Amino acid sequence: MSKTETPMALAGLKVLDLTRLLPGAFCSQMLADLGADVIKIEQPDGGDYNRTFPPIYKQESGSFLLLNRNKQSITIDLKTPGGKEIFRRMARDADVLLEGFRPGVMDRLGLSYDSLSQENPGLVYCAISGYGQTGPDRLKPGHDMNYMAEAGALQLFGKAGGAPMVPGLSIADVGGGSLMATTGIMAALLSRSVTRRGQFVDVSMFDGCISWLALHGAEYLFAGIEPRGGERPFIGQAPCYNVYTCSDGKHLALGLIEQHFWHRFCDAMDLADLKAEQWPADDAADQQFARLRAIFATQSRDTWVEKLASADIPVGPVLSMEEAFAAPHAQHREMLLSVEHPVEGTIPQLGFPVKYSHTPCSIRSAPPLLGEHTDQILSALGYRTEDIAAFRETGAI
């Protein structure tokens, strides 16, 4: 991800980002890392809510600093006539517009896809919402856990016979929202290269979460089985695919799906009698669990990992974030980088997860201060100094 003179994959693409919090910010940062010119449009009175979300580093939120590099920031109040004028002028030559409001908000502002596409037919307009632009639940409020709960996904997390657990990752927000929006935008841009027309891209985090159920959904759709946490093989029921506590109190993750890996594990652990019992159920599963737990409790995590990894068995240590970020492989893959921020100083950044042979991604600028580029952007749009002063006087910016 080092800087390069080679044009980046999305160089020259203009993106207007109206979103707040996680789903839209992660999507637009991916586009920005790929070379797009992303302008973050924020309310003058505080901007993106994520700027104040804990933990605060010096003045900015840590999560904001990890989600908004390579972007510019302009403050615009879209409820004012001046703000609407500025935004419409920006949208005339934009390639992508990304918004995350509830359905109907942009219509009420007079900034809907139908309205903006009349002046810019090539505009790809992506709306990320909880439940989508249509349907009986379209106006419901919600967050990551709500979408997962209603998509049938939350029940996959937890222990057998217990209540569902709150997942540790924002699966619906990122997997169902950010990544689906990025895919949808890319596909719409590819289509535009042929048709010369943009389109409206409707991304529902609820829909996206359902689409991630291909593995576990098959159990219900093809076998009539309701998969619940701790009760099915790949969500905690199977001893061969589980987490074990070692003598030092640390944990390892054992992921033995293929039969040849199970047999190799049994040989390495002197458990030849278990070769025919990779997927036990009920009491047999309990007995196998007890046996494996007792064995793993006899030595440290790293000792077991070294022994099993040397036999080419899918096993890994359950690392803390400190360990994960410092791990040689993560360092080699450049998944922890840094950038200089004008207020925060040298700040860490998570690396881009896709590597390109000819158009590598780069961190070109730090996350922007609120409204940092307002005057610069307005000047580039053709507004004079006195025009900008007038907008500021009326509260449009």
Protein backbone atom coordinates (compact mmCIF):
# COMPACT_ATOMS: atom_id res chain seq x y z
CA MET A 1 0.00 0.00 0.00
CA SER A 2 2.92 2.31 -0.49
CA LYS A 3 2.41 5.42 -2.53
CA THR A 4 2.83 4.95 -6.24
CA GLU A 5 2.69 6.96 -9.43
CA THR A 6 0.51 4.29 -11.05
CA PRO A 7 -3.07 5.60 -11.39
CA MET A 8 -5.25 4.04 -8.71
CA ALA A 9 -8.22 1.86 -9.60
CA LEU A 10 -10.84 4.56 -8.97
CA ALA A 11 -8.72 7.64 -9.69
CA GLY A 12 -10.88 10.56 -10.86
CA LEU A 13 -14.12 9.13 -9.47
CA LYS A 14 -16.09 11.78 -7.54
CA VAL A 15 -18.08 10.57 -4.53
CA LEU A 16 -20.38 12.62 -2.30
CA ASP A 17 -20.82 10.96 1.09
CA LEU A 18 -23.76 12.10 3.22
CA THR A 19 -23.63 9.16 5.61
CA ARG A 20 -22.91 9.07 9.32
CA LEU A 21 -21.59 6.39 11.68
CA LEU A 22 -20.24 3.03 10.47
CA PRO A 23 -21.93 1.51 7.37
CA GLY A 24 -21.53 4.41 4.94
CA ALA A 25 -18.16 5.53 6.31
CA PHE A 26 -16.60 2.10 5.81
CA CYS A 27 -17.98 1.94 2.25
CA SER A 28 -16.75 5.40 1.26
CA GLN A 29 -13.35 4.78 2.87
CA MET A 30 -12.94 1.69 0.68
CA LEU A 31 -13.75 3.81 -2.36
CA ALA A 32 -11.33 6.49 -1.16
CA ASP A 33 -8.56 3.97 -0.55
CA LEU A 34 -9.07 2.79 -4.13
CA GLY A 35 -8.40 6.32 -5.34
CA ALA A 36 -11.84 7.97 -5.49
CA ASP A 37 -12.18 11.64 -4.50
CA VAL A 38 -14.57 11.37 -1.56
CA ILE A 39 -16.16 14.48 -0.12
CA LYS A 40 -17.74 13.98 3.28
CA ILE A 41 -20.72 16.30 3.64
CA GLU A 42 -21.47 17.06 7.29
CA GLN A 43 -23.85 19.20 9.29
CA PRO A 44 -22.18 22.42 10.51
CA ASP A 45 -23.25 21.79 14.13
CA GLY A 46 -21.08 18.83 15.05
CA GLY A 47 -20.91 16.80 11.85
CA ASP A 48 -20.82 13.02 11.79
CA TYR A 49 -22.12 11.61 15.09
CA ASN A 50 -19.13 9.28 15.09
CA ARG A 51 -16.79 12.21 15.79
CA THR A 52 -17.89 12.09 19.44
CA PHE A 53 -18.22 8.32 19.88
CA PRO A 54 -15.86 6.92 22.55
CA PRO A 55 -12.99 6.41 22.86
CA ILE A 56 -11.81 9.96 22.18
CA TYR A 57 -8.10 10.15 21.39
CA LYS A 58 -7.20 13.84 21.71
CA GLN A 59 -10.15 15.63 20.15
CA GLU A 60 -11.56 13.08 17.69
CA SER A 61 -13.16 9.68 18.17
CA GLY A 62 -10.90 6.71 17.59
CA SER A 63 -13.49 4.99 15.44
CA PHE A 64 -13.93 8.16 13.35
CA LEU A 65 -10.17 8.23 12.80
CA LEU A 66 -10.25 4.63 11.56
CA LEU A 67 -13.12 5.20 9.13
CA ASN A 68 -12.48 8.51 7.36
CA ARG A 69 -8.99 8.74 5.89
CA ASN A 70 -8.48 9.90 2.29
CA LYS A 71 -11.61 12.07 2.47
CA GLN A 72 -12.33 15.78 2.42
CA SER A 73 -14.93 17.41 4.68
CA ILE A 74 -17.34 20.20 3.86
CA THR A 75 -20.10 21.44 6.15
CA ILE A 76 -23.47 22.08 4.51
CA ASP A 77 -26.91 22.50 6.07
CA LEU A 78 -29.15 20.82 3.53
CA LYS A 79 -32.24 22.33 5.12
CA THR A 80 -31.26 25.83 3.99
CA PRO A 81 -31.79 27.18 0.46
CA GLY A 82 -28.09 27.97 0.17
CA GLY A 83 -27.13 24.49 1.31
CA LYS A 84 -29.42 22.92 -1.27
CA GLU A 85 -27.96 25.12 -3.99
CA ILE A 86 -24.41 24.11 -3.12
CA PHE A 87 -25.27 20.44 -2.94
CA ARG A 88 -27.08 20.40 -6.27
CA ARG A 89 -24.09 22.08 -7.91
CA MET A 90 -21.81 19.44 -6.39
CA ALA A 91 -24.08 16.63 -7.57
CA ARG A 92 -24.10 17.79 -11.20
CA ASP A 93 -20.67 16.33 -11.91
CA ALA A 94 -20.49 13.68 -9.19
CA ASP A 95 -20.20 10.02 -10.12
CA VAL A 96 -21.56 8.57 -6.88
CA LEU A 97 -23.82 9.82 -4.11
CA LEU A 98 -23.95 7.79 -0.90
CA GLU A 99 -26.57 8.48 1.76
CA GLY A 100 -27.76 6.66 4.84
CA PHE A 101 -30.97 8.42 5.88
CA ARG A 102 -34.31 6.77 6.49
CA PRO A 103 -36.35 6.39 3.30
CA GLY A 104 -38.06 9.65 2.34
CA VAL A 105 -35.64 12.11 3.95
CA MET A 106 -33.87 13.04 0.71
CA ASP A 107 -37.23 13.30 -1.08
CA ARG A 108 -38.43 15.83 1.52
CA LEU A 109 -35.23 17.81 1.04
CA GLY A 110 -35.88 17.92 -2.70
CA LEU A 111 -32.68 15.96 -3.33
CA SER A 112 -34.03 12.58 -4.41
CA TYR A 113 -32.47 10.39 -7.09
CA ASP A 114 -35.23 11.35 -9.55
CA SER A 115 -34.53 15.03 -8.96
CA LEU A 116 -30.73 14.89 -9.12
CA SER A 117 -30.56 12.46 -12.03
CA GLN A 118 -32.45 14.92 -14.25
CA GLU A 119 -29.37 17.13 -14.16
CA ASN A 120 -26.86 14.27 -13.95
CA PRO A 121 -28.17 11.13 -15.71
CA GLY A 122 -24.91 9.30 -15.00
CA LEU A 123 -25.23 9.61 -11.23
CA VAL A 124 -25.00 6.37 -9.23
CA TYR A 125 -27.11 7.08 -6.16
CA CYS A 126 -26.67 4.55 -3.34
CA ALA A 127 -28.94 4.62 -0.29
CA ILE A 128 -28.02 2.46 2.71
CA SER A 129 -30.90 1.92 5.11
CA GLY A 130 -31.92 -0.59 7.75
CA TYR A 131 -34.80 -2.28 5.95
CA GLY A 132 -34.63 -0.89 2.42
CA GLN A 133 -36.61 1.69 0.48
CA THR A 134 -39.73 -0.47 0.11
CA GLY A 135 -41.75 -2.87 2.25
CA PRO A 136 -43.78 -2.64 5.47
CA ASP A 137 -40.71 -2.13 7.69
CA ARG A 138 -39.01 0.49 5.53
CA LEU A 139 -39.40 3.29 8.11
CA LYS A 140 -38.50 1.31 11.23
CA PRO A 141 -35.49 2.54 13.20
CA GLY A 142 -32.80 0.00 14.00
CA HIS A 143 -29.16 -0.85 14.41
CA ASP A 144 -26.89 -3.80 13.68
CA MET A 145 -28.33 -6.16 16.30
CA ASN A 146 -31.92 -5.37 15.27
CA TYR A 147 -31.28 -6.29 11.64
CA MET A 148 -29.51 -9.49 12.66
CA ALA A 149 -32.33 -10.44 15.02
CA GLU A 150 -35.01 -10.02 12.38
CA ALA A 151 -32.96 -11.70 9.68
CA GLY A 152 -32.77 -14.92 11.70
CA ALA A 153 -29.03 -14.49 12.23
CA LEU A 154 -28.81 -13.47 15.89
CA GLN A 155 -30.01 -16.89 17.05
CA LEU A 156 -26.79 -18.37 15.65
CA PHE A 157 -24.78 -16.74 18.47
CA GLY A 158 -24.83 -18.22 21.95
CA LYS A 159 -24.64 -21.43 23.92
CA ALA A 160 -26.92 -24.42 23.56
CA GLY A 161 -30.20 -23.84 25.35
CA GLY A 162 -29.31 -20.25 26.18
CA ALA A 163 -30.36 -16.84 24.92
CA PRO A 164 -28.72 -15.35 21.79
CA MET A 165 -25.58 -13.32 22.45
CA VAL A 166 -24.71 -9.84 21.21
CA PRO A 167 -22.15 -10.42 18.40
CA GLY A 168 -18.76 -8.81 18.84
CA LEU A 169 -18.65 -7.51 15.27
CA SER A 170 -21.08 -5.26 13.39
CA ILE A 171 -22.02 -7.96 10.93
CA ALA A 172 -25.19 -6.40 9.48
CA ASP A 173 -23.68 -2.90 9.37
CA VAL A 174 -20.49 -3.92 7.57
CA GLY A 175 -21.33 -7.21 5.88
CA GLY A 176 -24.91 -6.33 5.02
CA GLY A 177 -24.41 -2.59 4.56
CA SER A 178 -20.89 -1.37 3.77
CA LEU A 179 -19.75 -4.28 1.63
CA MET A 180 -23.07 -4.65 -0.20
CA ALA A 181 -23.06 -0.91 -0.93
CA THR A 182 -19.49 -1.07 -2.25
CA THR A 183 -20.40 -4.02 -4.49
CA GLY A 184 -23.59 -2.34 -5.65
CA ILE A 185 -21.81 0.91 -6.49
CA MET A 186 -19.04 -0.88 -8.39
CA ALA A 187 -21.55 -2.90 -10.43
CA ALA A 188 -23.61 0.22 -11.20
CA LEU A 189 -20.49 2.04 -12.37
CA LEU A 190 -19.57 -0.90 -14.59
CA SER A 191 -23.08 -0.88 -16.04
CA ARG A 192 -22.83 2.89 -16.59
CA SER A 193 -19.70 2.39 -18.68
CA VAL A 194 -21.92 0.52 -21.16
CA THR A 195 -25.30 2.26 -20.85
CA ARG A 196 -24.01 5.76 -19.97
CA ARG A 197 -26.73 5.95 -17.33
CA GLY A 198 -26.46 5.78 -13.57
CA GLN A 199 -29.10 4.24 -11.35
CA PHE A 200 -30.53 4.04 -7.84
CA VAL A 201 -28.89 1.41 -5.65
CA ASP A 202 -31.10 0.33 -2.72
CA VAL A 203 -29.01 -1.35 0.02
CA SER A 204 -30.81 -2.83 3.01
CA MET A 205 -28.72 -4.04 5.95
CA PHE A 206 -31.55 -6.44 6.77
CA ASP A 207 -31.44 -7.89 3.24
CA GLY A 208 -27.67 -8.08 3.35
CA CYS A 209 -27.75 -9.98 6.62
CA ILE A 210 -30.22 -12.54 5.23
CA SER A 211 -27.96 -13.05 2.20
CA TRP A 212 -25.15 -14.11 4.56
CA LEU A 213 -27.24 -17.09 5.73
CA ALA A 214 -26.26 -19.32 2.80
CA LEU A 215 -24.53 -21.88 5.04
CA HIS A 216 -26.86 -22.00 8.04
CA GLY A 217 -29.99 -21.11 6.09
CA ALA A 218 -29.53 -24.31 4.12
CA GLU A 219 -30.23 -26.30 7.27
CA TYR A 220 -33.69 -24.79 7.56
CA LEU A 221 -34.55 -24.44 3.86
CA PHE A 222 -33.45 -27.95 2.86
CA ALA A 223 -33.74 -29.96 6.09
CA GLY A 224 -36.27 -28.09 8.22
CA ILE A 225 -33.75 -27.65 11.05
CA GLU A 226 -33.60 -24.38 13.00
CA PRO A 227 -29.88 -23.71 13.61
CA ARG A 228 -29.19 -22.13 17.00
CA GLY A 229 -25.97 -21.23 18.75
CA GLY A 230 -24.26 -24.22 20.32
CA GLU A 231 -26.73 -26.65 18.78
CA ARG A 232 -25.36 -27.17 15.27
CA PRO A 233 -21.91 -28.30 14.05
CA PHE A 234 -20.49 -25.00 12.82
CA ILE A 235 -21.90 -22.82 15.60
CA GLY A 236 -20.54 -24.49 18.71
CA GLN A 237 -21.93 -28.04 18.84
CA ALA A 238 -19.06 -29.95 17.22
CA PRO A 239 -15.88 -30.74 19.20
CA CYS A 240 -13.83 -30.68 15.98
CA TYR A 241 -14.84 -27.08 15.26
CA ASN A 242 -14.56 -25.25 18.54
CA VAL A 243 -12.54 -23.20 21.02
CA TYR A 244 -10.55 -24.73 23.87
CA THR A 245 -8.95 -23.34 27.03
CA CYS A 246 -5.29 -24.19 27.61
CA SER A 247 -3.22 -24.45 30.79
CA ASP A 248 -2.24 -20.77 30.73
CA GLY A 249 -5.85 -19.64 30.53
CA LYS A 250 -5.49 -18.68 26.88
CA HIS A 251 -7.52 -20.22 24.10
CA LEU A 252 -7.06 -21.86 20.72
CA ALA A 253 -9.45 -22.26 17.81
CA LEU A 254 -9.65 -25.73 16.28
CA GLY A 255 -11.21 -25.76 12.79
CA LEU A 256 -11.34 -29.33 11.50
CA ILE A 257 -13.99 -29.65 8.79
CA GLU A 258 -12.39 -31.96 6.23
CA GLN A 259 -12.03 -35.59 7.25
CA HIS A 260 -8.33 -35.75 6.39
CA PHE A 261 -7.62 -32.92 8.82
CA TRP A 262 -9.57 -34.70 11.55
CA HIS A 263 -7.63 -37.90 10.95
CA ARG A 264 -4.34 -35.97 11.02
CA PHE A 265 -5.39 -34.35 14.31
CA CYS A 266 -6.28 -37.70 15.85
CA ASP A 267 -2.89 -39.09 14.85
CA ALA A 268 -1.03 -36.09 16.28
CA MET A 269 -2.95 -36.32 19.57
CA ASP A 270 -2.83 -40.15 19.90
CA LEU A 271 -6.60 -40.31 19.53
CA ALA A 272 -6.88 -42.94 16.83
CA ASP A 273 -10.07 -44.32 18.40
CA LEU A 274 -11.87 -41.03 17.55
CA LYS A 275 -11.19 -41.13 13.81
CA ALA A 276 -14.63 -42.57 13.07
CA GLU A 277 -16.38 -40.05 15.34
CA GLN A 278 -15.73 -36.64 13.80
CA TRP A 279 -19.33 -35.44 14.15
CA PRO A 280 -20.75 -36.99 17.34
CA ALA A 281 -24.11 -35.92 18.74
CA ASP A 282 -25.78 -35.75 22.15
CA ASP A 283 -23.96 -37.73 24.89
CA ALA A 284 -21.21 -38.83 22.50
CA ALA A 285 -20.44 -35.19 21.71
CA ASP A 286 -20.38 -34.31 25.42
CA GLN A 287 -17.96 -37.14 26.11
CA GLN A 288 -15.66 -36.13 23.26
CA PHE A 289 -15.75 -32.50 24.40
CA ALA A 290 -14.76 -33.51 27.93
CA ARG A 291 -11.91 -35.59 26.62
CA LEU A 292 -10.50 -32.86 24.36
CA ARG A 293 -10.92 -30.17 27.01
CA ALA A 294 -8.97 -32.22 29.50
CA ILE A 295 -6.15 -32.77 27.00
CA PHE A 296 -5.87 -29.12 25.93
CA ALA A 297 -5.84 -28.01 29.58
CA THR A 298 -2.51 -29.80 30.10
CA GLN A 299 -0.32 -27.42 28.07
CA SER A 300 -0.13 -23.76 27.08
CA ARG A 301 -1.86 -22.26 24.07
CA ASP A 302 1.31 -21.59 22.13
CA THR A 303 2.66 -25.08 22.82
CA TRP A 304 -0.45 -26.67 21.37
CA VAL A 305 -0.56 -24.30 18.41
CA GLU A 306 3.07 -25.03 17.55
CA LYS A 307 2.54 -28.79 17.81
CA LEU A 308 -0.63 -28.91 15.72
CA ALA A 309 0.47 -26.32 13.16
CA SER A 310 3.65 -28.32 12.54
CA ALA A 311 1.37 -31.21 11.52
CA ASP A 312 -0.42 -28.91 9.05
CA ILE A 313 -3.66 -28.90 11.03
CA PRO A 314 -6.09 -25.91 10.91
CA VAL A 315 -5.53 -24.42 14.35
CA GLY A 316 -4.84 -20.92 15.56
CA PRO A 317 -4.38 -19.00 18.78
CA VAL A 318 -7.23 -16.81 19.97
CA LEU A 319 -5.28 -13.56 20.01
CA SER A 320 -5.90 -10.34 21.83
CA MET A 321 -5.94 -7.25 19.64
CA GLU A 322 -2.48 -6.38 20.96
CA GLU A 323 -1.22 -9.76 19.77
CA ALA A 324 -3.15 -9.67 16.51
CA PHE A 325 -1.87 -6.25 15.44
CA ALA A 326 1.71 -7.19 16.33
CA ALA A 327 1.62 -10.61 14.64
CA PRO A 328 4.26 -11.03 11.88
CA HIS A 329 1.68 -12.03 9.29
CA ALA A 330 -0.54 -8.99 9.94
CA GLN A 331 2.57 -6.80 9.76
CA HIS A 332 3.67 -8.42 6.50
CA ARG A 333 0.20 -7.90 5.02
CA GLU A 334 0.37 -4.22 6.07
CA MET A 335 -2.86 -4.43 8.05
CA LEU A 336 -1.70 -1.89 10.62
CA LEU A 337 -0.36 1.38 9.23
CA SER A 338 -0.29 5.01 10.36
CA VAL A 339 -0.87 8.53 9.11
CA GLU A 340 -0.06 12.03 10.37
CA HIS A 341 -3.06 14.01 11.61
CA PRO A 342 -2.84 17.81 12.14
CA VAL A 343 -4.35 17.60 15.64
CA GLU A 344 -4.09 13.97 16.73
CA GLY A 345 -0.47 13.44 15.63
CA THR A 346 0.64 10.04 14.37
CA ILE A 347 -2.44 7.81 14.44
CA PRO A 348 -2.82 4.11 13.60
CA GLN A 349 -4.83 2.99 10.60
CA LEU A 350 -6.18 -0.41 9.63
CA GLY A 351 -4.87 -1.55 6.26
CA PHE A 352 -6.86 -2.11 3.07
CA PRO A 353 -7.87 -5.78 2.86
CA VAL A 354 -7.43 -6.25 -0.90
CA LYS A 355 -4.02 -6.16 -2.56
CA TYR A 356 -3.60 -5.08 -6.21
CA SER A 357 -0.68 -5.92 -8.45
CA HIS A 358 -0.89 -2.77 -10.62
CA THR A 359 -3.07 -0.21 -8.80
CA PRO A 360 -2.16 -0.50 -5.11
CA CYS A 361 -4.14 1.41 -2.52
CA SER A 362 -2.56 4.13 -0.43
CA ILE A 363 -3.24 6.34 2.54
CA ARG A 364 -2.98 9.79 1.00
CA SER A 365 -4.48 11.96 3.73
CA ALA A 366 -5.59 11.81 7.34
CA PRO A 367 -9.24 11.86 8.41
CA PRO A 368 -10.46 15.44 7.90
CA LEU A 369 -11.30 17.99 10.55
CA LEU A 370 -14.93 19.06 10.52
CA GLY A 371 -15.41 21.33 7.50
CA GLU A 372 -11.67 21.41 6.85
CA HIS A 373 -12.10 21.67 3.07
CA THR A 374 -15.26 23.77 2.89
CA ASP A 375 -13.72 26.90 1.37
CA GLN A 376 -11.47 24.91 -0.95
CA ILE A 377 -14.37 22.85 -2.33
CA LEU A 378 -16.66 25.86 -2.75
CA SER A 379 -13.93 27.79 -4.56
CA ALA A 380 -13.44 24.87 -6.93
CA LEU A 381 -17.20 24.96 -7.63
CA GLY A 382 -16.84 28.55 -8.77
CA TYR A 383 -18.06 30.40 -5.69
CA ARG A 384 -16.31 33.68 -4.90
CA THR A 385 -14.96 34.69 -1.51
CA GLU A 386 -17.96 36.96 -0.92
CA ASP A 387 -20.35 34.12 -1.88
CA ILE A 388 -18.73 31.83 0.67
CA ALA A 389 -18.96 34.54 3.33
CA ALA A 390 -22.67 34.97 2.55
CA PHE A 391 -23.28 31.21 2.85
CA ARG A 392 -21.54 31.23 6.21
CA GLU A 393 -23.58 34.23 7.36
CA THR A 394 -26.88 32.50 6.53
CA GLY A 395 -25.85 29.21 8.14
CA ALA A 396 -25.78 27.28 4.87
CA ILE A 397 -22.24 26.11 5.65
